[in-house]
């Protein structure tokens, strides 16, 4: 919960840059998870 509040406060401080980085980060994580699941399932 505290982490979410911290991220929201960062978002309010600097919306465009922060959002862009978060978007890139989430896309990277999703791609990595898909790749990992593919390996795990064989």
PDB file of N, CA and C in Angstrom:
ATOM      1  N   UNK A   1       0.836  -1.202   0.000  1.00  0.00           N
ATOM      2  CA  UNK A   1       0.000   0.000   0.000  1.00  0.00           C
ATOM      3  C   UNK A   1       0.876   1.260   0.000  1.00  0.00           C
ATOM      4  N   UNK A   2       1.850   1.305   0.903  1.00  0.00           N
ATOM      5  CA  UNK A   2       2.725   2.472   0.979  1.00  0.00           C
ATOM      6  C   UNK A   2       3.450   2.693  -0.338  1.00  0.00           C
ATOM      7  N   UNK A   3       3.832   1.582  -0.973  1.00  0.00           N
ATOM      8  CA  UNK A   3       4.524   1.678  -2.256  1.00  0.00           C
ATOM      9  C   UNK A   3       3.621   2.325  -3.301  1.00  0.00           C
ATOM     10  N   UNK A   4       2.357   1.930  -3.312  1.00  0.00           N
ATOM     11  CA  UNK A   4       1.410   2.518  -4.272  1.00  0.00           C
ATOM     12  C   UNK A   4       1.261   4.015  -4.029  1.00  0.00           C
ATOM     13  N   UNK A   5       1.154   4.399  -2.776  1.00  0.00           N
ATOM     14  CA  UNK A   5       1.034   5.822  -2.449  1.00  0.00           C
ATOM     15  C   UNK A   5       2.278   6.576  -2.883  1.00  0.00           C
ATOM     16  N   UNK A   6       3.436   5.960  -2.684  1.00  0.00           N
ATOM     17  CA  UNK A   6       4.690   6.581  -3.095  1.00  0.00           C
ATOM     18  C   UNK A   6       4.711   6.777  -4.604  1.00  0.00           C
ATOM     19  N   UNK A   7       4.305   5.747  -5.351  1.00  0.00           N
ATOM     20  CA  UNK A   7       4.281   5.849  -6.810  1.00  0.00           C
ATOM     21  C   UNK A   7       3.299   6.920  -7.266  1.00  0.00           C
ATOM     22  N   UNK A   8       2.156   6.999  -6.598  1.00  0.00           N
ATOM     23  CA  UNK A   8       1.173   8.021  -6.960  1.00  0.00           C
ATOM     24  C   UNK A   8       1.711   9.418  -6.705  1.00  0.00           C
ATOM     25  N   UNK A   9       2.414   9.588  -5.592  1.00  0.00           N
ATOM     26  CA  UNK A   9       2.985  10.908  -5.295  1.00  0.00           C
ATOM     27  C   UNK A   9       4.020  11.279  -6.343  1.00  0.00           C
ATOM     28  N   UNK A  10       4.809  10.304  -6.788  1.00  0.00           N
ATOM     29  CA  UNK A  10       5.784  10.550  -7.848  1.00  0.00           C
ATOM     30  C   UNK A  10       5.053  10.949  -9.125  1.00  0.00           C
ATOM     31  N   UNK A  11       3.964  10.244  -9.397  1.00  0.00           N
ATOM     32  CA  UNK A  11       3.183  10.513 -10.599  1.00  0.00           C
ATOM     33  C   UNK A  11       2.653  11.945 -10.589  1.00  0.00           C
ATOM     34  N   UNK A  12       2.163  12.392  -9.437  1.00  0.00           N
ATOM     35  CA  UNK A  12       1.640  13.757  -9.340  1.00  0.00           C
ATOM     36  C   UNK A  12       2.750  14.792  -9.482  1.00  0.00           C
ATOM     37  N   UNK A  13       3.940  14.467  -8.993  1.00  0.00           N
ATOM     38  CA  UNK A  13       5.058  15.399  -9.080  1.00  0.00           C
ATOM     39  C   UNK A  13       5.530  15.581 -10.521  1.00  0.00           C
ATOM     40  N   UNK A  14       5.591  14.480 -11.262  1.00  0.00           N
ATOM     41  CA  UNK A  14       6.171  14.543 -12.601  1.00  0.00           C
ATOM     42  C   UNK A  14       5.438  13.587 -13.541  1.00  0.00           C
ATOM     43  N   UNK A  15       4.211  13.934 -13.952  1.00  0.00           N
ATOM     44  CA  UNK A  15       3.369  13.010 -14.699  1.00  0.00           C
ATOM     45  C   UNK A  15       3.955  12.469 -16.013  1.00  0.00           C
ATOM     46  N   UNK A  16       4.367  13.314 -16.979  1.00  0.00           N
ATOM     47  CA  UNK A  16       4.695  12.797 -18.304  1.00  0.00           C
ATOM     48  C   UNK A  16       5.869  11.827 -18.309  1.00  0.00           C
ATOM     49  N   UNK A  17       6.988  12.259 -17.713  1.00  0.00           N
ATOM     50  CA  UNK A  17       8.190  11.431 -17.725  1.00  0.00           C
ATOM     51  C   UNK A  17       7.959  10.148 -16.936  1.00  0.00           C
ATOM     52  N   UNK A  18       7.385  10.291 -15.754  1.00  0.00           N
ATOM     53  CA  UNK A  18       7.153   9.130 -14.893  1.00  0.00           C
ATOM     54  C   UNK A  18       6.244   8.121 -15.587  1.00  0.00           C
ATOM     55  N   UNK A  19       5.162   8.620 -16.192  1.00  0.00           N
ATOM     56  CA  UNK A  19       4.217   7.727 -16.852  1.00  0.00           C
ATOM     57  C   UNK A  19       4.882   6.995 -18.007  1.00  0.00           C
ATOM     58  N   UNK A  20       5.706   7.733 -18.767  1.00  0.00           N
ATOM     59  CA  UNK A  20       6.393   7.125 -19.903  1.00  0.00           C
ATOM     60  C   UNK A  20       7.300   5.992 -19.440  1.00  0.00           C
ATOM     61  N   UNK A  21       8.060   6.259 -18.377  1.00  0.00           N
ATOM     62  CA  UNK A  21       8.969   5.239 -17.866  1.00  0.00           C
ATOM     63  C   UNK A  21       8.198   4.042 -17.325  1.00  0.00           C
ATOM     64  N   UNK A  22       7.105   4.302 -16.627  1.00  0.00           N
ATOM     65  CA  UNK A  22       6.291   3.217 -16.091  1.00  0.00           C
ATOM     66  C   UNK A  22       5.738   2.358 -17.216  1.00  0.00           C
ATOM     67  N   UNK A  23       5.281   3.002 -18.287  1.00  0.00           N
ATOM     68  CA  UNK A  23       4.715   2.288 -19.417  1.00  0.00           C
ATOM     69  C   UNK A  23       5.754   1.374 -20.044  1.00  0.00           C
ATOM     70  N   UNK A  24       6.956   1.918 -20.266  1.00  0.00           N
ATOM     71  CA  UNK A  24       8.048   1.126 -20.836  1.00  0.00           C
ATOM     72  C   UNK A  24       8.386  -0.032 -19.906  1.00  0.00           C
ATOM     73  N   UNK A  25       8.452   0.263 -18.604  1.00  0.00           N
ATOM     74  CA  UNK A  25       8.792  -0.751 -17.608  1.00  0.00           C
ATOM     75  C   UNK A  25       7.765  -1.883 -17.608  1.00  0.00           C
ATOM     76  N   UNK A  26       6.477  -1.535 -17.621  1.00  0.00           N
ATOM     77  CA  UNK A  26       5.427  -2.547 -17.603  1.00  0.00           C
ATOM     78  C   UNK A  26       5.447  -3.388 -18.872  1.00  0.00           C
ATOM     79  N   UNK A  27       5.686  -2.757 -20.021  1.00  0.00           N
ATOM     80  CA  UNK A  27       5.762  -3.505 -21.276  1.00  0.00           C
ATOM     81  C   UNK A  27       6.916  -4.496 -21.227  1.00  0.00           C
ATOM     82  N   UNK A  28       8.033  -4.061 -20.666  1.00  0.00           N
ATOM     83  CA  UNK A  28       9.206  -4.922 -20.542  1.00  0.00           C
ATOM     84  C   UNK A  28       8.908  -6.113 -19.639  1.00  0.00           C
ATOM     85  N   UNK A  29       8.263  -5.838 -18.503  1.00  0.00           N
ATOM     86  CA  UNK A  29       7.930  -6.899 -17.553  1.00  0.00           C
ATOM     87  C   UNK A  29       6.955  -7.897 -18.168  1.00  0.00           C
ATOM     88  N   UNK A  30       5.937  -7.408 -18.865  1.00  0.00           N
ATOM     89  CA  UNK A  30       4.964  -8.295 -19.491  1.00  0.00           C
ATOM     90  C   UNK A  30       5.628  -9.185 -20.529  1.00  0.00           C
ATOM     91  N   UNK A  31       6.520  -8.600 -21.322  1.00  0.00           N
ATOM     92  CA  UNK A  31       7.223  -9.363 -22.349  1.00  0.00           C
ATOM     93  C   UNK A  31       8.079 -10.445 -21.703  1.00  0.00           C
ATOM     94  N   UNK A  32       8.750 -10.079 -20.612  1.00  0.00           N
ATOM     95  CA  UNK A  32       9.610 -11.017 -19.897  1.00  0.00           C
ATOM     96  C   UNK A  32       8.778 -12.159 -19.307  1.00  0.00           C
ATOM     97  N   UNK A  33       7.620 -11.824 -18.717  1.00  0.00           N
ATOM     98  CA  UNK A  33       6.763 -12.840 -18.115  1.00  0.00           C
ATOM     99  C   UNK A  33       6.221 -13.802 -19.166  1.00  0.00           C
ATOM    100  N   UNK A  34       5.835 -13.269 -20.319  1.00  0.00           N
ATOM    101  CA  UNK A  34       5.342 -14.130 -21.398  1.00  0.00           C
ATOM    102  C   UNK A  34       6.435 -15.098 -21.830  1.00  0.00           C
ATOM    103  N   UNK A  35       7.648 -14.573 -21.973  1.00  0.00           N
ATOM    104  CA  UNK A  35       8.788 -15.385 -22.377  1.00  0.00           C
ATOM    105  C   UNK A  35       9.057 -16.473 -21.338  1.00  0.00           C
ATOM    106  N   UNK A  36       9.008 -16.095 -20.069  1.00  0.00           N
ATOM    107  CA  UNK A  36       9.263 -17.031 -18.978  1.00  0.00           C
ATOM    108  C   UNK A  36       8.197 -18.128 -18.945  1.00  0.00           C
ATOM    109  N   UNK A  37       6.932 -17.746 -19.129  1.00  0.00           N
ATOM    110  CA  UNK A  37       5.838 -18.720 -19.125  1.00  0.00           C
ATOM    111  C   UNK A  37       5.994 -19.701 -20.283  1.00  0.00           C
ATOM    112  N   UNK A  38       6.441 -19.195 -21.424  1.00  0.00           N
ATOM    113  CA  UNK A  38       6.636 -20.041 -22.593  1.00  0.00           C
ATOM    114  C   UNK A  38       7.704 -21.097 -22.306  1.00  0.00           C
ATOM    115  N   UNK A  39       8.788 -20.673 -21.646  1.00  0.00           N
ATOM    116  CA  UNK A  39       9.863 -21.603 -21.294  1.00  0.00           C
ATOM    117  C   UNK A  39       9.368 -22.613 -20.253  1.00  0.00           C
ATOM    118  N   UNK A  40       8.630 -22.127 -19.273  1.00  0.00           N
ATOM    119  CA  UNK A  40       8.154 -22.975 -18.181  1.00  0.00           C
ATOM    120  C   UNK A  40       7.178 -24.040 -18.683  1.00  0.00           C
ATOM    121  N   UNK A  41       6.335 -23.665 -19.639  1.00  0.00           N
ATOM    122  CA  UNK A  41       5.344 -24.607 -20.163  1.00  0.00           C
ATOM    123  C   UNK A  41       5.967 -25.554 -21.182  1.00  0.00           C
ATOM    124  N   UNK A  42       7.160 -25.235 -21.652  1.00  0.00           N
ATOM    125  CA  UNK A  42       7.856 -26.097 -22.601  1.00  0.00           C
ATOM    126  C   UNK A  42       7.400 -25.813 -24.001  1.00  0.00           C
TER     127      UNK A  42
END
